[in-house]
Protein backbone atom coordinates (compact mmCIF):
# COMPACT_ATOMS: atom_id res chain seq x y z
CA UNK A 1 179.70 253.04 30.96
CA UNK A 2 179.43 252.22 34.70
CA UNK A 3 181.72 253.65 37.43
CA UNK A 4 184.31 251.38 38.66
CA UNK A 5 183.65 250.09 42.55
CA UNK A 6 185.16 252.58 44.90
CA UNK A 7 188.31 250.78 46.59
CA UNK A 8 188.63 250.65 50.33
CA UNK A 9 191.15 252.73 51.70
CA UNK A 10 194.29 251.02 53.29
CA UNK A 11 193.03 247.77 51.99
CA UNK A 12 196.49 246.36 51.48
CA UNK A 13 198.25 246.40 54.73
CA UNK A 14 195.17 244.15 56.41
CA UNK A 15 196.55 241.09 56.41
CA UNK A 16 200.04 242.20 57.82
CA UNK A 17 198.26 243.65 60.89
CA UNK A 18 195.91 240.39 61.13
CA UNK A 19 199.33 238.23 60.98
CA UNK A 20 201.13 240.72 63.76
CA UNK A 21 198.24 240.16 65.83
CA UNK A 22 198.03 236.34 65.76
CA UNK A 23 201.99 236.48 66.62
CA UNK A 24 201.60 238.46 69.64
CA UNK A 25 198.47 236.56 70.49
CA UNK A 26 200.37 233.23 70.54
CA UNK A 27 203.26 234.73 72.07
CA UNK A 28 201.29 236.11 75.14
CA UNK A 29 199.91 232.49 75.20
CA UNK A 30 203.17 230.59 75.37
CA UNK A 31 204.76 233.42 77.36
CA UNK A 32 201.95 232.90 79.96
CA UNK A 33 201.84 229.14 79.82
CA UNK A 34 205.99 229.13 80.18
CA UNK A 35 205.47 231.71 83.20
CA UNK A 36 202.45 229.11 84.65
CA UNK A 37 204.76 226.41 84.50
CA UNK A 38 207.89 227.88 86.29
CA UNK A 39 205.64 228.97 88.85
CA UNK A 40 203.97 225.17 89.42
CA UNK A 41 207.58 224.12 88.83
CA UNK A 42 208.68 226.26 92.27
CA UNK A 43 205.54 225.71 94.26
CA UNK A 44 206.46 221.91 93.92
CA UNK A 45 209.52 221.75 94.50
CA UNK A 46 208.92 224.35 97.70
CA UNK A 47 206.28 221.95 98.55
CA UNK A 48 208.19 218.50 98.36
CA UNK A 49 211.25 218.79 101.01
CA UNK A 50 210.67 215.07 101.78
CA UNK A 51 211.14 214.02 98.12
CA UNK A 52 214.10 216.12 97.70
CA UNK A 53 215.58 214.59 100.38
CA UNK A 54 214.99 211.09 99.70
CA UNK A 55 216.49 211.83 96.20
CA UNK A 56 219.55 213.73 97.97
CA UNK A 57 220.12 210.70 100.05
CA UNK A 58 220.16 208.11 97.28
CA UNK A 59 222.28 210.43 95.30
CA UNK A 60 224.93 211.20 98.34
CA UNK A 61 224.88 207.12 99.03
CA UNK A 62 225.76 206.38 95.55
CA UNK A 63 228.50 208.88 95.51
CA UNK A 64 230.07 207.21 98.50
CA UNK A 65 229.60 203.86 96.85
CA UNK A 66 231.65 204.95 94.19
CA UNK A 67 234.07 206.42 96.17
CA UNK A 68 234.90 203.52 98.38
CA UNK A 69 234.59 201.03 95.48
CA UNK A 70 235.36 202.20 91.96
CA UNK A 71 235.09 199.49 89.10
CA UNK A 72 234.57 196.15 90.02
CA UNK A 73 234.63 196.52 93.91
CA UNK A 74 231.35 198.71 93.59
CA UNK A 75 229.12 195.13 94.40
CA UNK A 76 231.28 194.35 97.36
CA UNK A 77 231.15 198.21 98.75
CA UNK A 78 227.22 198.06 98.32
CA UNK A 79 226.98 194.88 100.42
CA UNK A 80 228.84 196.30 103.25
CA UNK A 81 226.66 199.47 102.61
CA UNK A 82 223.22 197.85 103.26
CA UNK A 83 222.64 195.58 100.37
CA UNK A 84 220.01 192.57 101.18
CA UNK A 85 220.07 189.13 100.59
CA UNK A 86 218.33 185.88 101.75
CA UNK A 87 220.88 184.55 103.67
CA UNK A 88 221.89 187.91 105.29
CA UNK A 89 218.23 188.44 106.45
CA UNK A 90 218.40 184.79 108.12
CA UNK A 91 221.31 185.90 109.90
CA UNK A 92 219.40 188.60 111.55
CA UNK A 93 220.82 191.43 109.78
CA UNK A 94 217.49 193.06 109.43
CA UNK A 95 218.68 196.78 108.99
CA UNK A 96 219.32 195.55 105.44
CA UNK A 97 215.67 195.85 104.76
CA UNK A 98 215.67 199.68 104.55
CA UNK A 99 219.25 200.43 104.00
CA UNK A 100 219.18 198.41 100.56
CA UNK A 101 216.30 200.96 99.41
CA UNK A 102 218.77 203.80 98.97
CA UNK A 103 221.27 201.92 97.30
CA UNK A 104 221.69 201.32 93.33
CA UNK A 105 223.52 198.68 91.22
CA UNK A 106 225.02 201.55 88.47
CA UNK A 107 224.36 205.03 87.33
CA UNK A 108 221.65 203.89 85.15
CA UNK A 109 219.55 202.32 87.84
CA UNK A 110 220.00 205.20 90.02
CA UNK A 111 219.02 207.77 87.21
CA UNK A 112 215.98 205.59 86.34
CA UNK A 113 214.84 205.41 89.93
CA UNK A 114 215.64 209.17 90.80
CA UNK A 115 213.39 210.01 87.65
CA UNK A 116 210.68 207.94 88.89
CA UNK A 117 210.76 209.16 92.53
CA UNK A 118 211.07 212.71 91.19
CA UNK A 119 207.86 212.74 89.10
CA UNK A 120 205.42 210.92 91.72
CA UNK A 121 207.03 212.52 94.64
CA UNK A 122 206.65 216.16 93.74
CA UNK A 123 202.51 215.36 92.47
CA UNK A 124 201.76 213.35 95.75
CA UNK A 125 203.71 215.06 98.70
CA UNK A 126 202.08 218.41 97.95
CA UNK A 127 198.78 216.77 98.26
CA UNK A 128 199.52 214.62 101.11
CA UNK A 129 202.19 216.27 102.94
CA UNK A 130 205.71 215.38 103.85
CA UNK A 131 204.98 213.02 106.84
CA UNK A 132 202.49 210.91 105.18
CA UNK A 133 204.90 210.51 102.15
CA UNK A 134 207.71 209.40 104.11
CA UNK A 135 205.59 207.09 105.83
CA UNK A 136 204.44 205.54 102.84
CA UNK A 137 208.01 205.35 101.33
CA UNK A 138 209.26 203.62 104.03
CA UNK A 139 206.64 200.93 104.62
CA UNK A 140 206.56 200.84 100.71
CA UNK A 141 210.16 200.03 100.61
CA UNK A 142 209.85 197.49 103.77
CA UNK A 143 207.10 195.48 102.09
CA UNK A 144 209.34 195.12 98.90
CA UNK A 145 212.22 193.65 100.56
CA UNK A 146 209.99 191.28 102.57
CA UNK A 147 207.83 190.39 99.37
CA UNK A 148 211.14 189.66 97.52
CA UNK A 149 212.36 187.41 100.08
CA UNK A 150 209.52 185.37 100.64
CA UNK A 151 209.72 184.24 97.19
CA UNK A 152 213.32 182.75 98.48
CA UNK A 153 215.41 183.73 95.64
CA UNK A 154 218.92 184.74 96.76
CA UNK A 155 219.07 187.90 94.49
CA UNK A 156 220.23 190.83 95.33
CA UNK A 157 218.03 193.49 97.05
CA UNK A 158 218.91 197.20 96.43
CA UNK A 159 217.18 199.81 94.91
CA UNK A 160 214.10 202.44 95.62
CA UNK A 161 212.15 200.61 93.25
CA UNK A 162 209.74 198.72 95.73
CA UNK A 163 209.18 202.18 97.68
CA UNK A 164 208.48 204.33 94.19
CA UNK A 165 206.08 201.59 93.17
CA UNK A 166 204.22 202.19 96.35
CA UNK A 167 204.08 205.96 95.90
CA UNK A 168 202.53 205.48 91.95
CA UNK A 169 199.91 202.97 93.12
CA UNK A 170 198.93 205.38 95.91
CA UNK A 171 198.62 207.74 93.00
CA UNK A 172 196.31 205.80 91.30
CA UNK A 173 194.42 205.05 94.29
CA UNK A 174 194.14 208.83 95.10
CA UNK A 175 193.07 209.44 91.51
CA UNK A 176 190.31 206.65 92.30
CA UNK A 177 188.83 207.90 95.24
CA UNK A 178 188.73 211.49 93.45
CA UNK A 179 186.86 210.20 90.57
CA UNK A 180 188.96 212.63 88.29
CA UNK A 181 192.05 213.45 87.33
CA UNK A 182 194.67 214.52 90.21
CA UNK A 183 194.39 218.29 90.83
CA UNK A 184 197.29 220.38 89.53
CA UNK A 185 195.69 223.91 89.08
CA UNK A 186 196.88 224.19 85.88
CA UNK A 187 195.42 225.30 82.20
CA UNK A 188 195.95 223.72 78.71
CA UNK A 189 198.76 223.36 76.78
CA UNK A 190 200.73 223.73 80.78
CA UNK A 191 198.78 220.67 82.00
CA UNK A 192 199.60 218.62 79.01
CA UNK A 193 203.38 219.60 79.31
CA UNK A 194 202.84 217.89 82.97
CA UNK A 195 201.48 215.09 81.68
CA UNK A 196 204.11 214.41 79.40
CA UNK A 197 206.87 214.72 82.14
CA UNK A 198 204.70 212.33 83.94
CA UNK A 199 204.61 209.73 81.22
CA UNK A 200 208.48 210.25 81.16
CA UNK A 201 208.78 209.40 84.61
CA UNK A 202 206.41 206.42 84.67
CA UNK A 203 203.05 205.56 83.43
CA UNK A 204 201.61 204.82 86.47
CA UNK A 205 202.32 208.41 87.26
CA UNK A 206 200.59 209.27 84.13
CA UNK A 207 197.67 207.59 85.10
CA UNK A 208 196.73 209.86 88.28
CA UNK A 209 196.90 213.08 85.46
CA UNK A 210 194.84 210.96 82.74
CA UNK A 211 191.33 212.80 81.58
CA UNK A 212 189.71 210.07 79.94
CA UNK A 213 189.07 206.68 81.30
CA UNK A 214 190.64 204.72 78.41
CA UNK A 215 193.86 206.53 78.98
CA UNK A 216 193.86 205.90 82.66
CA UNK A 217 193.07 202.44 81.98
CA UNK A 218 195.68 201.95 79.56
CA UNK A 219 198.48 203.63 81.59
CA UNK A 220 197.85 201.49 84.57
CA UNK A 221 197.72 198.31 82.54
CA UNK A 222 201.10 199.32 81.16
CA UNK A 223 202.70 200.59 84.32
CA UNK A 224 201.57 197.23 86.50
CA UNK A 225 202.79 194.83 83.58
CA UNK A 226 206.71 196.81 83.39
CA UNK A 227 206.92 196.88 87.03
CA UNK A 228 205.25 193.67 88.24
CA UNK A 229 207.02 191.00 86.45
CA UNK A 230 208.53 188.11 88.61
CA UNK A 231 210.72 186.72 90.07
CA UNK A 232 212.92 189.73 90.35
CA UNK A 233 210.35 192.40 90.42
CA UNK A 234 208.50 190.56 93.12
CA UNK A 235 209.58 193.47 95.13
CA UNK A 236 207.59 195.76 93.42
CA UNK A 237 204.70 194.10 94.11
CA UNK A 238 205.10 194.37 97.78
CA UNK A 239 205.25 198.26 97.30
CA UNK A 240 202.22 198.39 94.89
CA UNK A 241 200.11 196.78 97.38
CA UNK A 242 201.06 198.70 100.45
CA UNK A 243 200.72 202.10 98.47
CA UNK A 244 197.33 201.11 97.18
CA UNK A 245 196.01 200.23 100.29
CA UNK A 246 197.22 202.85 102.18
CA UNK A 247 196.04 205.40 99.62
CA UNK A 248 192.36 203.98 100.71
CA UNK A 249 193.11 204.29 104.55
CA UNK A 250 192.14 207.60 106.79
CA UNK A 251 195.90 208.12 106.80
CA UNK A 252 196.23 209.28 103.37
CA UNK A 253 193.01 211.80 103.35
CA UNK A 254 193.84 214.85 101.93
CA UNK A 255 195.32 217.54 104.04
CA UNK A 256 192.31 219.87 104.38
CA UNK A 257 190.13 217.38 105.73
CA UNK A 258 188.84 217.81 109.14
CA UNK A 259 190.08 214.40 110.20
CA UNK A 260 193.63 215.60 109.69
CA UNK A 261 193.68 217.89 112.99
CA UNK A 262 192.44 215.01 115.06
CA UNK A 263 195.26 212.69 113.38
CA UNK A 264 198.26 214.88 113.05
CA UNK A 265 199.64 213.35 116.53
CA UNK A 266 199.37 209.99 115.05
CA UNK A 267 200.85 210.98 111.71
CA UNK A 268 203.57 212.84 113.34
CA UNK A 269 204.51 209.74 115.57
CA UNK A 270 204.33 207.03 112.69
CA UNK A 271 206.54 209.70 110.55
CA UNK A 272 209.13 210.24 113.15
CA UNK A 273 209.31 206.48 113.79
CA UNK A 274 209.85 205.97 110.03
CA UNK A 275 212.59 208.56 109.93
CA UNK A 276 214.35 207.14 112.75
CA UNK A 277 214.20 203.65 111.10
CA UNK A 278 215.30 205.06 107.95
CA UNK A 279 218.59 206.78 109.06
CA UNK A 280 219.31 204.13 111.38
CA UNK A 281 219.30 201.47 109.54
CA UNK A 282 221.76 202.84 106.89
CA UNK A 283 223.92 204.08 109.74
CA UNK A 284 223.90 201.08 111.34
CA UNK A 285 224.82 198.73 107.74
CA UNK A 286 227.51 201.44 107.12
CA UNK A 287 228.94 201.50 110.70
CA UNK A 288 228.90 197.28 110.84
CA UNK A 289 230.29 197.02 107.08
CA UNK A 290 233.03 199.81 107.49
CA UNK A 291 233.31 200.07 103.37
CA UNK A 292 236.37 202.29 103.89
CA UNK A 293 238.13 199.68 104.93
CA UNK A 294 237.65 197.42 102.02
CA UNK A 295 241.11 198.73 99.92
CA UNK A 296 243.09 198.78 102.92
CA UNK A 297 245.73 196.12 103.99
CA UNK A 298 243.40 193.65 105.80
CA UNK A 299 244.16 193.02 109.69
CA UNK A 300 244.86 189.34 110.72
CA UNK A 301 243.36 187.83 113.71
CA UNK A 302 244.30 184.54 115.17
CA UNK A 303 241.63 181.95 115.08
CA UNK A 304 241.74 178.56 116.50
CA UNK A 305 240.55 175.72 114.34
CA UNK A 306 238.37 173.71 116.69
CA UNK A 307 239.11 169.51 116.72
CA UNK A 308 242.63 170.30 115.26
CA UNK A 309 245.90 171.16 116.77
CA UNK A 310 246.18 174.32 114.48
CA UNK A 311 245.82 178.34 114.94
CA UNK A 312 245.90 180.19 111.68
CA UNK A 313 245.71 184.08 111.28
CA UNK A 314 242.30 184.85 109.27
CA UNK A 315 241.69 188.47 107.74
CA UNK A 316 239.15 190.46 110.39
CA UNK A 317 236.84 190.60 107.52
CA UNK A 318 236.64 186.92 106.61
CA UNK A 319 236.48 185.97 110.52
CA UNK A 320 232.65 187.65 110.49
CA UNK A 321 231.36 185.19 107.55
CA UNK A 322 232.88 182.33 109.59
CA UNK A 323 230.88 178.82 108.58
CA UNK A 324 232.64 175.96 110.62
CA UNK A 325 231.64 172.36 108.31
CA UNK A 326 232.60 168.59 109.16
CA UNK A 327 233.57 166.08 107.14
CA UNK A 328 234.64 162.71 106.98
CA UNK A 329 238.58 162.90 106.02
CA UNK A 330 238.63 166.57 106.52
CA UNK A 331 237.84 169.07 109.39
CA UNK A 332 236.57 172.01 106.79
CA UNK A 333 236.28 175.72 107.86
CA UNK A 334 234.83 178.32 105.34
CA UNK A 335 235.64 181.92 105.82
CA UNK A 336 234.20 184.86 103.98
CA UNK A 337 231.47 184.59 101.34
CA UNK A 338 231.02 185.62 97.53
CA UNK A 339 229.65 189.03 98.03
CA UNK A 340 230.80 190.10 101.43
CA UNK A 341 234.47 189.62 101.08
CA UNK A 342 237.06 189.54 98.09
CA UNK A 343 238.19 186.32 98.51
CA UNK A 344 236.19 183.16 100.41
CA UNK A 345 238.60 181.27 102.27
CA UNK A 346 238.44 177.30 102.66
CA UNK A 347 240.65 175.55 105.15
CA UNK A 348 240.46 171.65 105.95
CA UNK A 349 242.78 169.72 108.08
CA UNK A 350 243.02 165.92 107.95
CA UNK A 351 241.19 163.84 110.35
CA UNK A 352 244.11 161.57 111.09
CA UNK A 353 247.96 161.89 110.63
CA UNK A 354 249.33 160.76 107.54
CA UNK A 355 251.68 157.99 107.25
CA UNK A 356 254.32 159.75 105.19
CA UNK A 357 256.66 162.61 104.99
CA UNK A 358 255.66 166.32 103.65
CA UNK A 359 258.18 165.32 100.54
CA UNK A 360 256.68 162.04 99.99
CA UNK A 361 253.00 163.60 100.41
CA UNK A 362 254.08 166.01 97.62
CA UNK A 363 255.46 163.83 95.31
CA UNK A 364 252.48 161.48 95.65
CA UNK A 365 250.02 164.35 94.73
CA UNK A 366 252.04 165.17 91.80
CA UNK A 367 251.64 161.53 90.69
CA UNK A 368 247.89 161.17 91.50
CA UNK A 369 247.29 164.70 89.26
CA UNK A 370 248.93 162.62 86.23
CA UNK A 371 249.96 165.76 84.82
CA UNK A 372 250.79 169.31 85.33
CA UNK A 373 247.58 170.51 83.51
CA UNK A 374 244.15 169.12 83.98
CA UNK A 375 240.95 170.26 82.06
CA UNK A 376 237.41 169.64 81.64
CA UNK A 377 234.25 171.45 80.66
CA UNK A 378 233.96 173.57 83.68
CA UNK A 379 237.40 173.34 85.25
CA UNK A 380 240.87 174.01 83.94
CA UNK A 381 243.52 173.37 86.61
CA UNK A 382 247.51 173.83 86.95
CA UNK A 383 249.49 171.78 89.67
CA UNK A 384 252.66 172.79 90.63
CA UNK A 385 255.35 172.50 93.28
CA UNK A 386 255.71 175.24 95.81
CA UNK A 387 256.87 175.65 99.61
CA UNK A 388 254.51 177.16 102.31
CA UNK A 389 257.53 178.76 104.54
CA UNK A 390 260.19 175.47 104.81
CA UNK A 391 257.93 173.00 103.67
CA UNK A 392 257.26 171.51 100.29
CA UNK A 393 253.88 172.09 99.17
CA UNK A 394 251.53 171.40 96.07
CA UNK A 395 249.78 174.62 94.42
CA UNK A 396 246.70 174.09 92.41
CA UNK A 397 245.41 177.26 90.40
CA UNK A 398 241.76 176.51 89.00
CA UNK A 399 239.95 178.35 86.22
CA UNK A 400 236.41 178.07 86.70
CA UNK A 401 233.29 179.91 85.01
CA UNK A 402 232.58 182.21 87.31
CA UNK A 403 236.24 182.97 89.05
CA UNK A 404 239.34 181.29 89.94
CA UNK A 405 240.81 179.44 93.04
CA UNK A 406 244.09 178.80 94.22
CA UNK A 407 244.86 175.96 96.44
CA UNK A 408 247.91 175.01 98.67
CA UNK A 409 248.16 171.47 99.99
CA UNK A 410 251.05 170.36 102.44
CA UNK A 411 251.82 168.20 105.56
CA UNK A 412 252.09 170.16 108.98
CA UNK A 413 253.20 167.80 112.10
CA UNK A 414 251.87 164.73 109.78
CA UNK A 415 248.19 166.22 109.29
CA UNK A 416 247.54 167.21 105.70
CA UNK A 417 246.50 171.21 105.63
CA UNK A 418 244.90 172.57 102.88
CA UNK A 419 244.08 176.29 101.89
CA UNK A 420 242.18 177.52 99.14
CA UNK A 421 241.30 180.87 98.10
CA UNK A 422 238.08 181.36 95.69
CA UNK A 423 237.40 184.88 94.01
CA UNK A 424 235.04 186.35 91.62
CA UNK A 425 235.82 187.48 88.65
CA UNK A 426 235.14 190.92 89.44
CA UNK A 427 238.20 190.69 92.15
CA UNK A 428 240.61 189.38 89.77
CA UNK A 429 239.97 192.65 87.48
CA UNK A 430 240.52 195.20 90.44
CA UNK A 431 243.87 196.98 91.05
CA UNK A 432 245.46 197.95 92.97
CA UNK A 433 244.58 194.50 95.09
CA UNK A 434 245.31 194.33 98.83
CA UNK A 435 244.20 191.14 98.86
CA UNK A 436 246.66 189.70 96.41
CA UNK A 437 248.47 186.19 97.43
CA UNK A 438 246.26 186.09 100.85
CA UNK A 439 246.11 182.22 100.29
CA UNK A 440 250.05 182.12 100.87
CA UNK A 441 249.71 184.58 103.51
CA UNK A 442 247.01 182.68 105.71
CA UNK A 443 249.03 179.17 104.87
CA UNK A 444 252.18 180.61 106.34
CA UNK A 445 250.29 181.59 109.38
CA UNK A 446 249.17 177.85 110.16
CA UNK A 447 250.89 176.55 113.57
CA UNK A 448 250.35 174.28 116.21
CA UNK A 449 248.74 175.32 119.34
CA UNK A 450 251.43 173.63 121.42
CA UNK A 451 254.12 171.27 120.57
CA UNK A 452 253.34 167.81 122.46
CA UNK A 453 249.63 168.91 122.24
CA UNK A 454 247.09 166.14 121.70
CA UNK A 455 244.33 165.77 118.90
CA UNK A 456 241.71 163.54 118.96
CA UNK A 457 239.89 163.35 115.45
CA UNK A 458 236.40 162.65 117.51
CA UNK A 459 236.43 165.81 119.12
CA UNK A 460 233.16 168.01 118.51
CA UNK A 461 233.61 171.12 116.11
């Protein structure tokens, strides 16, 4: 019989050694990738001081907004910290254009913008430098606000979205200029991990790192569709156009280029101007708005109602938003606004004296009202008797779709005087509320300028 083939010695342990070797290889590969990612993260953080400062500023202002205006007061405090609207810019408050770029509506709005700003800034700033990034952020924020206002919508303008979109489109433009993915100096799989992080920030940031043209084009299309959706996202359009335009100018050449040295003074001057504009706008907005005073007892100032014989005490905060109006039967005055004060006060004085006493006027008002409770599709009113000082008066409480209104109506020296206060729904939910009963306090302060003063209804307001 033929002899059996010889078995190689130690044939059994060979698969175990192979598995151990593969495990060591994978472990070294993973640990090397983790170390590479950690080194990359530290380098990016060290090389992005402006991005981190911008993010910290947004967080700090949001903390102040929460501290000065918790709960339903947040919108009011946000306005006094620099939130912009069409009417405020027309009134000359241009500092709101930049101040609003660091304010946010709520925590979700802030977190979304911080994530996008962090991803775009950490990729872009080490390549362009902090000065160029600050210029790009400032100009994009300004262009976004102006583009939004140009549409004529009286929406709230706040948030860093316009500036962030400018950074993201600058990344896309920079990638187009390079003709290849944005250089990060990473190997696989560390580069894939960074790509995933960029995708979580924004599809536009991912587009700058996409290696294939198909992935680049798809990411750009999705990102643009998300960011530029009228009318509320028109501010993103302005920032996007500026970011894409500046990415193709000499201002944003790589820092290693020969032109960087000659343009250094120019870039430094623009960066200093941008920094002054950003800091100054926020400082002016907070200094003028004084949001920390909103929850304090309002201070009253005496105001003369032009073309009437009366003076009235109005909260100082409301006097800043005075809007005199004219009418045929009533001289009308409006103080405060729907987003600048907790209550909008409206005061009306009859153009002529009435041929009835205060008691007769109140009785007639009760008869005209027909019943104590009136209602229709949008308004529910309750009419009741009350007193303003020593004089009888009518009180009307109206429940409307967006808020409530309280009106006091009585006669002083023969003239009909009407004081009403309208408050939004959010104002009725805030407790404690130092503006409670503000209509009665204003009404009780109405007084004649002089005992024998003459009043001509034809006087110009």
